[in-house]
């Protein structure tokens, strides 16, 4: 298990591909731990680079 920070688009794409492979891993396993950490790193990257604005009341309807 080699986990590094996600700083560039290429890092992000590698993390997504790896997560696809280990997504269904048992939670009590090395791959399960890796999937959990990758999910947090991916979420952090997406929140910084692809923010979603809160819709106003009219848009929400």
C-alpha atoms as a PDB file:
ATOM      1  CA  UNK A   1       0.000   0.000   0.000  1.00  0.00           C
ATOM      2  CA  UNK A   2       1.602   3.222  -1.181  1.00  0.00           C
ATOM      3  CA  UNK A   3      -0.534   6.262  -0.504  1.00  0.00           C
ATOM      4  CA  UNK A   4       0.581   9.752  -1.429  1.00  0.00           C
ATOM      5  CA  UNK A   5      -1.144  13.104  -1.393  1.00  0.00           C
ATOM      6  CA  UNK A   6      -3.248  14.172  -4.369  1.00  0.00           C
ATOM      7  CA  UNK A   7      -1.822  17.404  -5.736  1.00  0.00           C
ATOM      8  CA  UNK A   8      -2.351  17.187  -9.490  1.00  0.00           C
ATOM      9  CA  UNK A   9      -5.013  15.926 -11.871  1.00  0.00           C
ATOM     10  CA  UNK A  10      -2.813  12.933 -12.695  1.00  0.00           C
ATOM     11  CA  UNK A  11      -2.595  11.994  -8.986  1.00  0.00           C
ATOM     12  CA  UNK A  12      -6.375  12.317  -8.746  1.00  0.00           C
ATOM     13  CA  UNK A  13      -6.976  10.023 -11.724  1.00  0.00           C
ATOM     14  CA  UNK A  14      -4.557   7.407 -10.339  1.00  0.00           C
ATOM     15  CA  UNK A  15      -6.330   7.497  -6.986  1.00  0.00           C
ATOM     16  CA  UNK A  16      -9.732   7.034  -8.647  1.00  0.00           C
ATOM     17  CA  UNK A  17      -8.472   4.066 -10.679  1.00  0.00           C
ATOM     18  CA  UNK A  18      -6.952   2.440  -7.610  1.00  0.00           C
ATOM     19  CA  UNK A  19     -10.133   2.989  -5.614  1.00  0.00           C
ATOM     20  CA  UNK A  20     -12.115   1.241  -8.369  1.00  0.00           C
ATOM     21  CA  UNK A  21      -9.919  -1.831  -7.944  1.00  0.00           C
ATOM     22  CA  UNK A  22     -10.174  -2.030  -4.150  1.00  0.00           C
ATOM     23  CA  UNK A  23     -13.654  -0.529  -3.627  1.00  0.00           C
ATOM     24  CA  UNK A  24     -15.292  -3.763  -2.441  1.00  0.00           C
ATOM     25  CA  UNK A  25     -12.435  -4.806  -0.146  1.00  0.00           C
ATOM     26  CA  UNK A  26     -13.321  -6.002   3.337  1.00  0.00           C
ATOM     27  CA  UNK A  27     -13.202  -3.138   5.804  1.00  0.00           C
ATOM     28  CA  UNK A  28     -10.894  -5.119   8.079  1.00  0.00           C
ATOM     29  CA  UNK A  29      -8.080  -5.543   5.571  1.00  0.00           C
ATOM     30  CA  UNK A  30      -5.122  -3.635   4.192  1.00  0.00           C
ATOM     31  CA  UNK A  31      -7.090  -2.854   1.034  1.00  0.00           C
ATOM     32  CA  UNK A  32     -10.063  -1.712   3.110  1.00  0.00           C
ATOM     33  CA  UNK A  33      -7.838   0.701   5.022  1.00  0.00           C
ATOM     34  CA  UNK A  34      -6.335   1.914   1.766  1.00  0.00           C
ATOM     35  CA  UNK A  35      -9.801   2.474   0.280  1.00  0.00           C
ATOM     36  CA  UNK A  36     -10.868   4.492   3.321  1.00  0.00           C
ATOM     37  CA  UNK A  37      -7.778   6.720   3.148  1.00  0.00           C
ATOM     38  CA  UNK A  38      -8.051   7.157  -0.635  1.00  0.00           C
ATOM     39  CA  UNK A  39     -11.702   8.149  -0.245  1.00  0.00           C
ATOM     40  CA  UNK A  40     -10.742  10.894   2.198  1.00  0.00           C
ATOM     41  CA  UNK A  41      -7.938  12.156  -0.059  1.00  0.00           C
ATOM     42  CA  UNK A  42     -10.185  12.124  -3.133  1.00  0.00           C
ATOM     43  CA  UNK A  43     -12.955  13.940  -1.262  1.00  0.00           C
ATOM     44  CA  UNK A  44     -10.498  16.598  -0.105  1.00  0.00           C
ATOM     45  CA  UNK A  45      -9.165  17.107  -3.656  1.00  0.00           C
ATOM     46  CA  UNK A  46     -12.677  17.319  -5.119  1.00  0.00           C
ATOM     47  CA  UNK A  47     -13.826  19.833  -2.515  1.00  0.00           C
ATOM     48  CA  UNK A  48     -10.870  22.082  -3.356  1.00  0.00           C
ATOM     49  CA  UNK A  49     -10.955  21.742  -7.150  1.00  0.00           C
ATOM     50  CA  UNK A  50     -14.632  21.065  -7.911  1.00  0.00           C
ATOM     51  CA  UNK A  51     -16.605  23.012  -5.291  1.00  0.00           C
ATOM     52  CA  UNK A  52     -20.384  22.826  -5.389  1.00  0.00           C
ATOM     53  CA  UNK A  53     -22.155  26.027  -4.497  1.00  0.00           C
ATOM     54  CA  UNK A  54     -25.225  25.902  -2.327  1.00  0.00           C
ATOM     55  CA  UNK A  55     -28.264  26.648  -4.502  1.00  0.00           C
ATOM     56  CA  UNK A  56     -30.503  29.570  -3.639  1.00  0.00           C
ATOM     57  CA  UNK A  57     -34.127  28.817  -2.714  1.00  0.00           C
ATOM     58  CA  UNK A  58     -35.463  29.286  -6.247  1.00  0.00           C
ATOM     59  CA  UNK A  59     -32.822  27.008  -7.784  1.00  0.00           C
ATOM     60  CA  UNK A  60     -33.508  24.377  -5.151  1.00  0.00           C
ATOM     61  CA  UNK A  61     -37.168  24.225  -6.149  1.00  0.00           C
END
